């Protein structure tokens, strides 16, 4: 599912955050990962159950995620269909790699210990 272009989403050096993704982008990705092929309407209906959001906002976020290489956009139908181009595990791995490097100074052990403790 991954390809070299899919790393385009990762945090840019001058970005304000560590993940390269905003909260809304993460929420939209979760909907796509959980549902597979989706339209803007599908994601919009799911998100509006828990928040006020405009249809055009969802459309913009999906388009941006496709530009970042995280989603594939199929334009062959009247309603564009989006599907994951990378897995949630690949995105999590990329975020954790940045966290380990930038915050933990390359030390993985404290993070591993924390994850093991929180799993218990």
N, C-alpha and C. Protein backbone atom coordinates (compact mmCIF):
# COMPACT_ATOMS: atom_id res chain seq x y z
N UNK A 1 0.82 -1.19 0.00
CA UNK A 1 0.00 0.00 0.00
C UNK A 1 0.86 1.26 0.00
N UNK A 2 2.08 1.16 0.41
CA UNK A 2 2.96 2.32 0.53
C UNK A 2 3.78 2.50 -0.74
N UNK A 3 4.11 3.75 -1.05
CA UNK A 3 5.03 4.03 -2.13
C UNK A 3 5.89 5.21 -1.73
N UNK A 4 7.00 5.45 -2.42
CA UNK A 4 7.92 6.51 -2.02
C UNK A 4 7.27 7.89 -1.95
N UNK A 5 6.30 8.16 -2.80
CA UNK A 5 5.66 9.48 -2.79
C UNK A 5 4.80 9.69 -1.55
N UNK A 6 4.42 8.60 -0.86
CA UNK A 6 3.54 8.73 0.29
C UNK A 6 4.21 9.40 1.48
N UNK A 7 5.51 9.56 1.45
CA UNK A 7 6.19 10.25 2.54
C UNK A 7 6.06 11.76 2.43
N UNK A 8 5.42 12.25 1.37
CA UNK A 8 5.25 13.69 1.18
C UNK A 8 4.46 14.33 2.32
N UNK A 9 3.60 13.57 2.98
CA UNK A 9 2.79 14.12 4.06
C UNK A 9 3.61 14.43 5.30
N UNK A 10 4.73 13.77 5.46
CA UNK A 10 5.50 13.91 6.69
C UNK A 10 5.87 15.34 6.97
N UNK A 11 6.06 15.62 8.21
CA UNK A 11 6.36 16.97 8.69
C UNK A 11 7.47 17.61 7.89
N UNK A 12 7.21 18.80 7.44
CA UNK A 12 8.26 19.57 6.76
C UNK A 12 9.10 20.25 7.82
N UNK A 13 10.33 20.51 7.51
CA UNK A 13 11.28 21.06 8.49
C UNK A 13 10.76 22.33 9.15
N UNK A 14 10.04 23.16 8.43
CA UNK A 14 9.56 24.43 8.98
C UNK A 14 8.13 24.34 9.51
N UNK A 15 7.57 23.15 9.56
CA UNK A 15 6.21 22.96 10.03
C UNK A 15 6.11 23.31 11.51
N UNK A 16 4.89 23.67 11.94
CA UNK A 16 4.68 24.02 13.34
C UNK A 16 4.45 22.81 14.23
N UNK A 17 4.22 21.66 13.66
CA UNK A 17 3.96 20.48 14.49
C UNK A 17 4.90 19.34 14.13
N UNK A 18 4.82 18.29 14.89
CA UNK A 18 5.70 17.14 14.68
C UNK A 18 5.12 16.09 13.75
N UNK A 19 3.81 16.09 13.58
CA UNK A 19 3.19 14.98 12.88
C UNK A 19 3.02 15.20 11.38
N UNK A 20 2.89 16.44 10.94
CA UNK A 20 2.60 16.71 9.55
C UNK A 20 1.11 16.57 9.25
N UNK A 21 0.31 16.24 10.28
CA UNK A 21 -1.14 16.11 10.13
C UNK A 21 -1.86 16.94 11.19
N UNK A 22 -2.97 17.53 10.79
CA UNK A 22 -3.81 18.23 11.75
C UNK A 22 -4.81 17.27 12.37
N UNK A 23 -5.50 17.73 13.42
CA UNK A 23 -6.48 16.88 14.10
C UNK A 23 -7.60 16.47 13.16
N UNK A 24 -8.10 17.41 12.35
CA UNK A 24 -9.18 17.09 11.43
C UNK A 24 -8.70 16.10 10.36
N UNK A 25 -7.49 16.29 9.87
CA UNK A 25 -6.93 15.34 8.91
C UNK A 25 -6.85 13.94 9.50
N UNK A 26 -6.42 13.86 10.75
CA UNK A 26 -6.34 12.56 11.43
C UNK A 26 -7.73 11.93 11.58
N UNK A 27 -8.73 12.74 11.92
CA UNK A 27 -10.09 12.22 12.05
C UNK A 27 -10.63 11.73 10.71
N UNK A 28 -10.36 12.47 9.66
CA UNK A 28 -10.80 12.07 8.32
C UNK A 28 -10.10 10.77 7.91
N UNK A 29 -8.81 10.70 8.15
CA UNK A 29 -8.07 9.47 7.82
C UNK A 29 -8.65 8.27 8.56
N UNK A 30 -8.99 8.46 9.83
CA UNK A 30 -9.55 7.34 10.60
C UNK A 30 -10.83 6.83 9.95
N UNK A 31 -11.68 7.74 9.48
CA UNK A 31 -12.92 7.34 8.81
C UNK A 31 -12.60 6.55 7.55
N UNK A 32 -11.64 7.02 6.78
CA UNK A 32 -11.27 6.31 5.54
C UNK A 32 -10.67 4.95 5.86
N UNK A 33 -9.75 4.89 6.82
CA UNK A 33 -9.14 3.61 7.19
C UNK A 33 -10.20 2.61 7.67
N UNK A 34 -11.17 3.10 8.43
CA UNK A 34 -12.20 2.21 8.97
C UNK A 34 -13.21 1.75 7.92
N UNK A 35 -13.39 2.54 6.86
CA UNK A 35 -14.46 2.26 5.90
C UNK A 35 -13.99 1.90 4.50
N UNK A 36 -12.71 2.04 4.21
CA UNK A 36 -12.22 1.72 2.86
C UNK A 36 -12.60 2.80 1.87
N UNK A 37 -13.23 2.41 0.77
CA UNK A 37 -13.63 3.37 -0.25
C UNK A 37 -14.75 4.27 0.28
N UNK A 38 -14.54 5.57 0.21
CA UNK A 38 -15.53 6.53 0.72
C UNK A 38 -15.67 7.70 -0.25
N UNK A 39 -16.81 8.37 -0.15
CA UNK A 39 -17.03 9.62 -0.86
C UNK A 39 -16.97 10.75 0.16
N UNK A 40 -16.97 11.97 -0.33
CA UNK A 40 -17.00 13.13 0.56
C UNK A 40 -18.23 13.04 1.46
N UNK A 41 -19.36 12.68 0.86
CA UNK A 41 -20.61 12.58 1.63
C UNK A 41 -20.48 11.56 2.76
N UNK A 42 -19.87 10.41 2.49
CA UNK A 42 -19.69 9.39 3.53
C UNK A 42 -18.93 9.95 4.73
N UNK A 43 -17.82 10.62 4.45
CA UNK A 43 -16.97 11.15 5.52
C UNK A 43 -17.71 12.29 6.24
N UNK A 44 -18.35 13.15 5.47
CA UNK A 44 -19.11 14.26 6.04
C UNK A 44 -20.19 13.75 7.00
N UNK A 45 -20.96 12.76 6.58
CA UNK A 45 -22.03 12.23 7.43
C UNK A 45 -21.47 11.62 8.71
N UNK A 46 -20.36 10.96 8.60
CA UNK A 46 -19.74 10.35 9.78
C UNK A 46 -19.24 11.43 10.75
N UNK A 47 -18.53 12.42 10.23
CA UNK A 47 -17.96 13.45 11.10
C UNK A 47 -19.02 14.34 11.74
N UNK A 48 -20.08 14.62 11.03
CA UNK A 48 -21.08 15.54 11.58
C UNK A 48 -21.91 14.94 12.71
N UNK A 49 -21.73 13.65 12.96
CA UNK A 49 -22.37 13.04 14.12
C UNK A 49 -21.80 13.61 15.41
N UNK A 50 -20.54 14.06 15.37
CA UNK A 50 -19.86 14.52 16.59
C UNK A 50 -19.40 15.96 16.56
N UNK A 51 -19.57 16.65 15.42
CA UNK A 51 -19.09 18.03 15.33
C UNK A 51 -19.83 18.77 14.23
N UNK A 52 -19.79 20.09 14.36
CA UNK A 52 -20.31 20.93 13.27
C UNK A 52 -19.19 21.07 12.24
N UNK A 53 -19.50 20.72 11.01
CA UNK A 53 -18.48 20.79 9.97
C UNK A 53 -19.17 21.01 8.63
N UNK A 54 -18.53 21.76 7.78
CA UNK A 54 -19.08 22.03 6.46
C UNK A 54 -18.66 20.93 5.48
N UNK A 55 -19.56 20.62 4.57
CA UNK A 55 -19.28 19.64 3.52
C UNK A 55 -18.04 20.05 2.74
N UNK A 56 -17.92 21.34 2.43
CA UNK A 56 -16.77 21.82 1.64
C UNK A 56 -15.46 21.68 2.41
N UNK A 57 -15.53 21.73 3.73
CA UNK A 57 -14.32 21.52 4.54
C UNK A 57 -13.85 20.08 4.40
N UNK A 58 -14.78 19.15 4.48
CA UNK A 58 -14.44 17.74 4.32
C UNK A 58 -13.86 17.50 2.93
N UNK A 59 -14.46 18.11 1.91
CA UNK A 59 -13.98 17.97 0.55
C UNK A 59 -12.54 18.48 0.43
N UNK A 60 -12.26 19.62 1.03
CA UNK A 60 -10.91 20.18 0.99
C UNK A 60 -9.90 19.30 1.71
N UNK A 61 -10.27 18.77 2.86
CA UNK A 61 -9.36 17.93 3.63
C UNK A 61 -9.05 16.65 2.85
N UNK A 62 -10.06 16.03 2.26
CA UNK A 62 -9.83 14.82 1.47
C UNK A 62 -8.91 15.12 0.29
N UNK A 63 -9.14 16.24 -0.39
CA UNK A 63 -8.28 16.61 -1.51
C UNK A 63 -6.85 16.83 -1.04
N UNK A 64 -6.68 17.53 0.08
CA UNK A 64 -5.34 17.78 0.62
C UNK A 64 -4.63 16.49 1.01
N UNK A 65 -5.36 15.56 1.59
CA UNK A 65 -4.77 14.27 1.96
C UNK A 65 -4.35 13.48 0.72
N UNK A 66 -5.09 13.64 -0.37
CA UNK A 66 -4.70 12.99 -1.62
C UNK A 66 -3.43 13.64 -2.17
N UNK A 67 -3.35 14.96 -2.09
CA UNK A 67 -2.15 15.67 -2.55
C UNK A 67 -0.93 15.26 -1.71
N UNK A 68 -1.14 15.04 -0.42
CA UNK A 68 -0.05 14.63 0.47
C UNK A 68 0.36 13.17 0.24
N UNK A 69 -0.40 12.45 -0.56
CA UNK A 69 -0.04 11.06 -0.85
C UNK A 69 -0.61 10.05 0.12
N UNK A 70 -1.52 10.47 0.98
CA UNK A 70 -2.10 9.56 1.96
C UNK A 70 -3.35 8.85 1.44
N UNK A 71 -4.04 9.49 0.50
CA UNK A 71 -5.24 8.91 -0.08
C UNK A 71 -5.11 8.85 -1.59
N UNK A 72 -5.81 7.90 -2.16
CA UNK A 72 -5.93 7.81 -3.61
C UNK A 72 -7.30 8.39 -3.98
N UNK A 73 -7.33 9.22 -5.00
CA UNK A 73 -8.56 9.87 -5.42
C UNK A 73 -8.98 9.32 -6.78
N UNK A 74 -10.16 8.70 -6.84
CA UNK A 74 -10.68 8.16 -8.09
C UNK A 74 -11.72 9.15 -8.62
N UNK A 75 -11.42 9.76 -9.76
CA UNK A 75 -12.30 10.79 -10.33
C UNK A 75 -13.18 10.25 -11.45
N UNK A 76 -13.30 8.94 -11.57
CA UNK A 76 -14.03 8.35 -12.70
C UNK A 76 -15.55 8.42 -12.53
N UNK A 77 -16.04 8.67 -11.32
CA UNK A 77 -17.48 8.78 -11.09
C UNK A 77 -17.84 10.21 -10.74
N UNK A 78 -19.12 10.51 -10.75
CA UNK A 78 -19.58 11.87 -10.43
C UNK A 78 -19.11 12.27 -9.03
N UNK A 79 -19.26 11.35 -8.07
CA UNK A 79 -18.75 11.59 -6.71
C UNK A 79 -17.39 10.93 -6.60
N UNK A 80 -16.37 11.73 -6.36
CA UNK A 80 -15.02 11.18 -6.23
C UNK A 80 -15.00 10.14 -5.11
N UNK A 81 -14.22 9.10 -5.32
CA UNK A 81 -14.06 8.05 -4.32
C UNK A 81 -12.63 8.10 -3.81
N UNK A 82 -12.49 8.06 -2.50
CA UNK A 82 -11.18 8.09 -1.86
C UNK A 82 -10.93 6.77 -1.18
N UNK A 83 -9.66 6.34 -1.21
CA UNK A 83 -9.27 5.12 -0.51
C UNK A 83 -7.87 5.34 0.06
N UNK A 84 -7.53 4.61 1.11
CA UNK A 84 -6.20 4.79 1.71
C UNK A 84 -5.09 4.40 0.75
N UNK A 85 -4.05 5.18 0.77
CA UNK A 85 -2.85 4.86 0.00
C UNK A 85 -1.76 4.33 0.93
N UNK A 86 -1.87 4.65 2.21
CA UNK A 86 -0.96 4.14 3.24
C UNK A 86 -1.81 3.66 4.41
N UNK A 87 -1.24 2.77 5.20
CA UNK A 87 -1.98 2.23 6.35
C UNK A 87 -1.83 3.15 7.57
N UNK A 88 -2.69 2.93 8.53
CA UNK A 88 -2.58 3.68 9.78
C UNK A 88 -1.28 3.35 10.49
N UNK A 89 -0.83 2.12 10.37
CA UNK A 89 0.44 1.73 11.00
C UNK A 89 1.62 2.45 10.37
N UNK A 90 1.60 2.64 9.06
CA UNK A 90 2.69 3.37 8.39
C UNK A 90 2.73 4.82 8.85
N UNK A 91 1.57 5.44 8.98
CA UNK A 91 1.51 6.83 9.44
C UNK A 91 1.99 6.91 10.89
N UNK A 92 1.51 5.99 11.74
CA UNK A 92 1.93 5.99 13.14
C UNK A 92 3.44 5.80 13.26
N UNK A 93 3.99 4.91 12.46
CA UNK A 93 5.44 4.68 12.47
C UNK A 93 6.20 5.95 12.12
N UNK A 94 5.73 6.66 11.10
CA UNK A 94 6.38 7.90 10.70
C UNK A 94 6.33 8.95 11.80
N UNK A 95 5.19 9.06 12.45
CA UNK A 95 5.03 10.03 13.55
C UNK A 95 5.93 9.64 14.72
N UNK A 96 5.96 8.36 15.07
CA UNK A 96 6.80 7.91 16.18
C UNK A 96 8.28 8.09 15.88
N UNK A 97 8.68 7.88 14.64
CA UNK A 97 10.08 8.10 14.27
C UNK A 97 10.49 9.55 14.51
N UNK A 98 9.61 10.48 14.13
CA UNK A 98 9.89 11.91 14.36
C UNK A 98 9.94 12.20 15.85
N UNK A 99 8.99 11.65 16.60
CA UNK A 99 8.94 11.85 18.05
C UNK A 99 10.22 11.35 18.72
N UNK A 100 10.65 10.17 18.36
CA UNK A 100 11.87 9.60 18.94
C UNK A 100 13.07 10.48 18.61
N UNK A 101 13.17 10.90 17.37
CA UNK A 101 14.32 11.69 16.95
C UNK A 101 14.33 13.09 17.57
N UNK A 102 13.21 13.80 17.47
CA UNK A 102 13.17 15.20 17.89
C UNK A 102 12.97 15.39 19.39
N UNK A 103 12.13 14.59 19.99
CA UNK A 103 11.81 14.77 21.42
C UNK A 103 12.69 13.90 22.31
N UNK A 104 12.90 12.66 21.90
CA UNK A 104 13.63 11.72 22.74
C UNK A 104 15.12 11.66 22.40
N UNK A 105 15.57 12.49 21.45
CA UNK A 105 16.99 12.51 21.11
C UNK A 105 17.49 11.19 20.55
N UNK A 106 16.59 10.45 19.90
CA UNK A 106 16.97 9.17 19.32
C UNK A 106 16.83 7.98 20.26
N UNK A 107 16.50 8.24 21.54
CA UNK A 107 16.37 7.15 22.52
C UNK A 107 14.97 6.55 22.45
N UNK A 108 14.88 5.29 22.08
CA UNK A 108 13.59 4.60 21.96
C UNK A 108 13.15 3.95 23.27
N UNK A 109 14.10 3.60 24.10
CA UNK A 109 13.79 2.81 25.29
C UNK A 109 12.73 3.46 26.20
N UNK A 110 12.82 4.76 26.52
CA UNK A 110 11.79 5.34 27.39
C UNK A 110 10.38 5.25 26.78
N UNK A 111 10.29 5.42 25.48
CA UNK A 111 9.00 5.33 24.81
C UNK A 111 8.48 3.90 24.83
N UNK A 112 9.35 2.94 24.59
CA UNK A 112 8.97 1.53 24.63
C UNK A 112 8.51 1.15 26.03
N UNK A 113 9.26 1.59 27.04
CA UNK A 113 8.87 1.30 28.43
C UNK A 113 7.50 1.90 28.75
N UNK A 114 7.26 3.13 28.29
CA UNK A 114 5.97 3.77 28.53
C UNK A 114 4.83 2.97 27.87
N UNK A 115 5.03 2.58 26.63
CA UNK A 115 4.00 1.83 25.91
C UNK A 115 3.72 0.49 26.57
N UNK A 116 4.76 -0.16 27.07
CA UNK A 116 4.55 -1.44 27.76
C UNK A 116 3.78 -1.23 29.06
N UNK A 117 4.12 -0.19 29.81
CA UNK A 117 3.40 0.10 31.06
C UNK A 117 1.95 0.45 30.79
N UNK A 118 1.68 1.25 29.76
CA UNK A 118 0.31 1.67 29.50
C UNK A 118 -0.55 0.53 28.95
N UNK A 119 0.08 -0.49 28.40
CA UNK A 119 -0.66 -1.64 27.89
C UNK A 119 -1.13 -2.57 29.02
N UNK A 120 -0.48 -2.47 30.16
CA UNK A 120 -0.81 -3.36 31.29
C UNK A 120 -2.05 -2.93 32.03
